[in-house]
Amino acid sequence: MTQSSMFLSQIINTFSGLKEYLGNAYILFISLLIILILVLAINYIYRKNNYLNYLPGLLALVVGVFMLIFNIGNLLYVENLHKLETTIVLIVSGLCGIIFALLLSVIKKPKKKKKKVSKKKKKDNQNDLE
């Protein structure tokens, strides 16, 4: 076996061992990916309106918080653990979507241009000093 194939097989074995501990964590990554793609699509379509970028993350966060509030009494029963998992996934995805939209707005923020002082204003300032 070559060295690269040995390395790849070690990585595969490591991830297969982690699968036992992570369980259904792929649902979180898929929901994060969907929200990030939605934020990027909204950012591309509506370039002028930065507030729409926050909509997917905010929507997921609100739905997750409402699920938590309405099911707070019976979330810890074994038959309702899927609701708890969905609530956690929605809240985490929403927060990550909001943070990603905030980062996009910081990156997209226009740079302030320095105003050049015209010659006329310079002459007026010099005359005032004299």
Protein backbone atom coordinates (compact mmCIF):
# COMPACT_ATOMS: atom_id res chain seq x y z
CA MET A 1 0.00 0.00 0.00
CA THR A 2 1.21 3.47 -0.73
CA GLN A 3 1.68 6.04 1.94
CA SER A 4 -1.25 8.20 0.78
CA SER A 5 -3.71 5.30 0.76
CA MET A 6 -2.56 4.33 4.27
CA PHE A 7 -3.13 7.90 5.40
CA LEU A 8 -6.63 7.97 3.87
CA SER A 9 -7.54 4.65 5.46
CA GLN A 10 -6.45 6.00 8.87
CA ILE A 11 -8.65 9.07 8.38
CA ILE A 12 -11.61 6.86 7.41
CA ASN A 13 -11.08 4.66 10.46
CA THR A 14 -10.91 7.71 12.71
CA PHE A 15 -14.16 9.14 11.37
CA SER A 16 -15.92 5.78 11.57
CA GLY A 17 -14.92 5.62 15.23
CA LEU A 18 -16.30 9.12 15.81
CA LYS A 19 -19.61 8.20 14.19
CA GLU A 20 -20.52 6.24 17.30
CA TYR A 21 -20.15 9.36 19.45
CA LEU A 22 -21.53 11.98 17.08
CA GLY A 23 -24.73 10.12 16.20
CA ASN A 24 -26.93 12.38 14.10
CA ALA A 25 -24.59 15.37 14.02
CA TYR A 26 -24.78 15.42 10.24
CA ILE A 27 -28.25 16.97 10.61
CA LEU A 28 -26.64 20.01 12.23
CA PHE A 29 -24.08 20.34 9.45
CA ILE A 30 -26.74 20.00 6.75
CA SER A 31 -28.96 22.65 8.37
CA LEU A 32 -25.94 24.96 8.78
CA LEU A 33 -25.07 24.48 5.13
CA ILE A 34 -28.64 25.24 4.04
CA ILE A 35 -28.79 28.44 6.10
CA LEU A 36 -25.38 29.63 4.92
CA ILE A 37 -26.34 29.01 1.28
CA LEU A 38 -29.59 30.93 1.83
CA VAL A 39 -27.70 33.86 3.37
CA LEU A 40 -25.27 33.91 0.43
CA ALA A 41 -28.11 33.72 -2.09
CA ILE A 42 -30.02 36.56 -0.43
CA ASN A 43 -26.80 38.56 -0.24
CA TYR A 44 -26.24 38.04 -3.96
CA ILE A 45 -29.82 38.80 -5.01
CA TYR A 46 -30.46 41.79 -2.72
CA ARG A 47 -27.15 43.61 -2.71
CA LYS A 48 -28.50 46.92 -1.42
CA ASN A 49 -30.58 45.59 1.48
CA ASN A 50 -28.28 44.11 4.13
CA TYR A 51 -31.11 43.44 6.59
CA LEU A 52 -32.53 40.60 4.51
CA ASN A 53 -29.30 38.62 5.06
CA TYR A 54 -30.31 38.06 8.67
CA LEU A 55 -33.70 36.56 7.75
CA PRO A 56 -32.79 32.81 7.45
CA GLY A 57 -30.84 32.76 10.70
CA LEU A 58 -33.43 34.80 12.54
CA LEU A 59 -36.24 32.58 11.27
CA ALA A 60 -34.46 29.39 12.39
CA LEU A 61 -33.67 30.94 15.77
CA VAL A 62 -37.28 32.05 16.35
CA VAL A 63 -38.68 28.64 15.37
CA GLY A 64 -36.18 26.91 17.67
CA VAL A 65 -37.02 29.18 20.61
CA PHE A 66 -40.77 28.68 20.07
CA MET A 67 -40.28 24.91 19.95
CA LEU A 68 -38.34 25.14 23.20
CA ILE A 69 -40.97 27.31 24.90
CA PHE A 70 -43.98 25.23 23.82
CA ASN A 71 -42.37 21.87 24.67
CA ILE A 72 -40.38 22.80 27.77
CA GLY A 73 -42.35 20.54 30.09
CA ASN A 74 -42.02 17.29 28.18
CA LEU A 75 -38.72 17.57 26.31
CA LEU A 76 -36.75 15.35 28.65
CA TYR A 77 -38.87 12.25 28.14
CA VAL A 78 -37.29 9.57 26.00
CA GLU A 79 -39.99 9.71 23.33
CA ASN A 80 -39.48 13.47 22.89
CA LEU A 81 -35.70 13.55 22.52
CA HIS A 82 -36.02 14.12 18.76
CA LYS A 83 -37.85 17.39 19.52
CA LEU A 84 -35.01 18.43 21.81
CA GLU A 85 -32.48 17.58 19.11
CA THR A 86 -34.42 19.56 16.51
CA THR A 87 -34.69 22.52 18.89
CA ILE A 88 -30.95 22.53 19.54
CA VAL A 89 -30.16 22.22 15.84
CA LEU A 90 -32.47 25.12 14.93
CA ILE A 91 -31.15 27.42 17.64
CA VAL A 92 -27.48 26.71 16.82
CA SER A 93 -28.07 27.03 13.07
CA GLY A 94 -29.94 30.28 13.56
CA LEU A 95 -27.18 31.79 15.67
CA CYS A 96 -24.53 30.70 13.16
CA GLY A 97 -26.60 32.15 10.31
CA ILE A 98 -26.91 35.49 12.10
CA ILE A 99 -23.17 35.59 12.80
CA PHE A 100 -22.41 34.71 9.17
CA ALA A 101 -24.72 37.48 7.94
CA LEU A 102 -23.01 39.91 10.32
CA LEU A 103 -19.61 38.92 8.95
CA LEU A 104 -20.86 39.39 5.40
CA SER A 105 -22.14 42.86 6.20
CA VAL A 106 -18.80 43.81 7.78
CA ILE A 107 -16.91 42.54 4.75
CA LYS A 108 -19.30 44.26 2.32
CA LYS A 109 -19.26 47.57 4.19
CA PRO A 110 -18.11 50.38 1.88
CA LYS A 111 -14.83 52.02 2.76
CA LYS A 112 -14.94 55.68 3.70
CA LYS A 113 -13.19 57.87 1.20
CA LYS A 114 -11.12 60.75 2.40
CA LYS A 115 -12.37 64.03 1.11
CA LYS A 116 -9.79 66.03 -0.74
CA VAL A 117 -9.55 69.63 0.26
CA SER A 118 -9.95 71.84 -2.73
CA LYS A 119 -7.52 74.66 -3.51
CA LYS A 120 -10.19 77.25 -2.90
CA LYS A 121 -10.74 76.04 0.67
CA LYS A 122 -6.99 76.01 1.27
CA LYS A 123 -6.73 79.63 0.13
CA ASP A 124 -9.66 80.62 2.34
CA ASN A 125 -8.02 78.92 5.32
CA GLN A 126 -4.72 80.68 4.63
CA ASN A 127 -6.44 84.03 4.33
CA ASP A 128 -8.20 83.44 7.64
CA LEU A 129 -4.89 82.69 9.32
CA GLU A 130 -3.35 85.97 8.07
